[in-house]
C-alpha atoms as a PDB file:
ATOM      1  CA  MET A   1    -102.388  19.123  45.399  1.00  0.00           C
ATOM      2  CA  ILE A   2    -103.885  22.153  47.125  1.00  0.00           C
ATOM      3  CA  THR A   3    -107.239  22.299  48.857  1.00  0.00           C
ATOM      4  CA  ARG A   4    -108.776  25.241  50.667  1.00  0.00           C
ATOM      5  CA  ASN A   5    -110.780  25.057  53.893  1.00  0.00           C
ATOM      6  CA  GLY A   6    -111.604  28.516  55.207  1.00  0.00           C
ATOM      7  CA  ASN A   7    -108.333  30.313  55.865  1.00  0.00           C
ATOM      8  CA  THR A   8    -106.278  27.112  55.668  1.00  0.00           C
ATOM      9  CA  VAL A   9    -104.588  25.953  52.492  1.00  0.00           C
ATOM     10  CA  GLN A  10    -103.799  22.242  52.738  1.00  0.00           C
ATOM     11  CA  VAL A  11    -100.876  21.069  50.604  1.00  0.00           C
ATOM     12  CA  SER A  12    -100.434  17.349  49.998  1.00  0.00           C
ATOM     13  CA  GLY A  13     -98.245  15.035  47.972  1.00  0.00           C
ATOM     14  CA  SER A  14     -94.787  15.876  46.680  1.00  0.00           C
ATOM     15  CA  LEU A  15     -93.248  19.341  46.442  1.00  0.00           C
ATOM     16  CA  THR A  16     -90.490  18.573  43.987  1.00  0.00           C
ATOM     17  CA  MET A  17     -89.231  19.943  40.684  1.00  0.00           C
ATOM     18  CA  ALA A  18     -91.725  17.661  38.935  1.00  0.00           C
ATOM     19  CA  THR A  19     -94.743  19.145  40.746  1.00  0.00           C
ATOM     20  CA  VAL A  20     -94.095  22.708  41.888  1.00  0.00           C
ATOM     21  CA  SER A  21     -94.274  24.364  38.465  1.00  0.00           C
ATOM     22  CA  LYS A  22     -97.987  23.569  38.344  1.00  0.00           C
ATOM     23  CA  LEU A  23     -98.402  25.054  41.827  1.00  0.00           C
ATOM     24  CA  TYR A  24     -96.499  28.199  40.804  1.00  0.00           C
ATOM     25  CA  GLY A  25     -98.916  28.670  37.936  1.00  0.00           C
ATOM     26  CA  SER A  26    -102.028  28.245  40.049  1.00  0.00           C
ATOM     27  CA  GLY A  27    -100.747  30.628  42.714  1.00  0.00           C
ATOM     28  CA  LEU A  28    -101.923  30.808  46.290  1.00  0.00           C
ATOM     29  CA  PRO A  29    -105.733  30.843  46.554  1.00  0.00           C
ATOM     30  CA  PRO A  30    -106.394  33.859  48.825  1.00  0.00           C
ATOM     31  CA  GLN A  31    -110.100  34.286  47.949  1.00  0.00           C
ATOM     32  CA  GLY A  32    -110.389  37.560  49.862  1.00  0.00           C
ATOM     33  CA  ALA A  33    -108.676  36.349  53.036  1.00  0.00           C
ATOM     34  CA  SER A  34    -106.606  38.677  55.185  1.00  0.00           C
ATOM     35  CA  SER A  35    -104.681  35.757  56.662  1.00  0.00           C
ATOM     36  CA  LEU A  36    -103.825  32.261  55.469  1.00  0.00           C
ATOM     37  CA  VAL A  37    -102.304  29.193  57.041  1.00  0.00           C
ATOM     38  CA  VAL A  38    -100.438  26.931  54.640  1.00  0.00           C
ATOM     39  CA  ASP A  39    -100.575  23.485  56.234  1.00  0.00           C
ATOM     40  CA  LEU A  40     -97.808  21.181  55.030  1.00  0.00           C
ATOM     41  CA  ALA A  41     -98.698  18.191  57.228  1.00  0.00           C
ATOM     42  CA  GLN A  42     -99.594  15.998  54.252  1.00  0.00           C
ATOM     43  CA  VAL A  43     -96.505  16.762  52.184  1.00  0.00           C
ATOM     44  CA  GLU A  44     -94.722  13.487  51.455  1.00  0.00           C
ATOM     45  CA  ALA A  45     -91.536  14.509  49.628  1.00  0.00           C
ATOM     46  CA  VAL A  46     -89.628  17.751  49.068  1.00  0.00           C
ATOM     47  CA  ASP A  47     -86.587  19.120  47.309  1.00  0.00           C
ATOM     48  CA  SER A  48     -85.111  22.598  46.993  1.00  0.00           C
ATOM     49  CA  SER A  49     -87.968  23.715  44.734  1.00  0.00           C
ATOM     50  CA  ALA A  50     -90.319  23.460  47.747  1.00  0.00           C
ATOM     51  CA  VAL A  51     -88.351  26.228  49.466  1.00  0.00           C
ATOM     52  CA  SER A  52     -88.635  28.347  46.341  1.00  0.00           C
ATOM     53  CA  LEU A  53     -92.392  27.752  46.230  1.00  0.00           C
ATOM     54  CA  MET A  54     -92.785  28.817  49.864  1.00  0.00           C
ATOM     55  CA  LEU A  55     -90.853  32.027  49.207  1.00  0.00           C
ATOM     56  CA  SER A  56     -92.968  32.694  46.122  1.00  0.00           C
ATOM     57  CA  TRP A  57     -96.187  32.246  48.104  1.00  0.00           C
ATOM     58  CA  LEU A  58     -94.846  34.522  50.827  1.00  0.00           C
ATOM     59  CA  ARG A  59     -94.075  37.264  48.274  1.00  0.00           C
ATOM     60  CA  GLU A  60     -97.516  36.833  46.718  1.00  0.00           C
ATOM     61  CA  ALA A  61     -99.187  37.077  50.135  1.00  0.00           C
ATOM     62  CA  GLN A  62     -97.206  40.194  51.064  1.00  0.00           C
ATOM     63  CA  HIS A  63     -98.089  41.786  47.723  1.00  0.00           C
ATOM     64  CA  ASN A  64    -101.783  41.146  48.466  1.00  0.00           C
ATOM     65  CA  ASN A  65    -101.563  42.253  52.132  1.00  0.00           C
ATOM     66  CA  ILE A  66    -102.251  38.748  53.401  1.00  0.00           C
ATOM     67  CA  ASN A  67    -100.748  37.560  56.670  1.00  0.00           C
ATOM     68  CA  LEU A  68     -99.339  34.139  55.781  1.00  0.00           C
ATOM     69  CA  CYS A  69     -97.770  31.470  57.962  1.00  0.00           C
ATOM     70  CA  PHE A  70     -96.688  27.879  57.413  1.00  0.00           C
ATOM     71  CA  SER A  71     -97.705  25.050  59.725  1.00  0.00           C
ATOM     72  CA  HIS A  72     -96.496  21.471  60.105  1.00  0.00           C
ATOM     73  CA  VAL A  73     -93.376  22.106  58.044  1.00  0.00           C
ATOM     74  CA  PRO A  74     -91.631  18.746  57.511  1.00  0.00           C
ATOM     75  CA  ASP A  75     -88.191  18.439  59.112  1.00  0.00           C
ATOM     76  CA  ASN A  76     -86.464  17.862  55.782  1.00  0.00           C
ATOM     77  CA  LEU A  77     -88.030  21.042  54.380  1.00  0.00           C
ATOM     78  CA  SER A  78     -86.942  23.012  57.453  1.00  0.00           C
ATOM     79  CA  SER A  79     -83.420  21.653  56.978  1.00  0.00           C
ATOM     80  CA  LEU A  80     -83.359  22.781  53.343  1.00  0.00           C
ATOM     81  CA  ALA A  81     -84.565  26.260  54.301  1.00  0.00           C
ATOM     82  CA  LYS A  82     -81.797  26.480  56.923  1.00  0.00           C
ATOM     83  CA  LEU A  83     -79.228  25.229  54.416  1.00  0.00           C
ATOM     84  CA  TYR A  84     -80.196  28.003  51.970  1.00  0.00           C
ATOM     85  CA  GLY A  85     -80.236  30.630  54.721  1.00  0.00           C
ATOM     86  CA  VAL A  86     -83.929  31.506  54.357  1.00  0.00           C
ATOM     87  CA  ALA A  87     -85.479  29.657  57.300  1.00  0.00           C
ATOM     88  CA  GLU A  88     -85.926  32.847  59.290  1.00  0.00           C
ATOM     89  CA  SER A  89     -87.700  34.489  56.349  1.00  0.00           C
ATOM     90  CA  LEU A  90     -90.423  31.841  56.346  1.00  0.00           C
ATOM     91  CA  PRO A  91     -93.069  32.651  58.984  1.00  0.00           C
ATOM     92  CA  LEU A  92     -94.124  29.655  61.021  1.00  0.00           C
ATOM     93  CA  CYS A  93     -97.573  29.568  62.592  1.00  0.00           C
ATOM     94  CA  PRO A  94     -97.701  29.680  66.373  1.00  0.00           C
ATOM     95  CA  ALA A  95     -97.957  26.253  67.991  1.00  0.00           C
ATOM     96  CA  GLU A  96    -101.544  25.225  68.482  1.00  0.00           C
END
């Protein structure tokens, strides 16, 4: 599930093959923002499709000139991104 609060997009639940296709279709909700924070603190489960979704959102943001960063990335998602060699391509938000 995705909810929007200002320039923060809160993602919750599972980011797995069973759920990400719906999120791909809905896209990232920029609503005129020049920057977005994708907060993953409430993500409960991930698989490799979560990494693909993050890369897709990053491409979409770049295409729309939106500065995007990811916050509260779960450790298992960070590990998958490192495993696939894309961790450094995913911008993390500065520590608050």
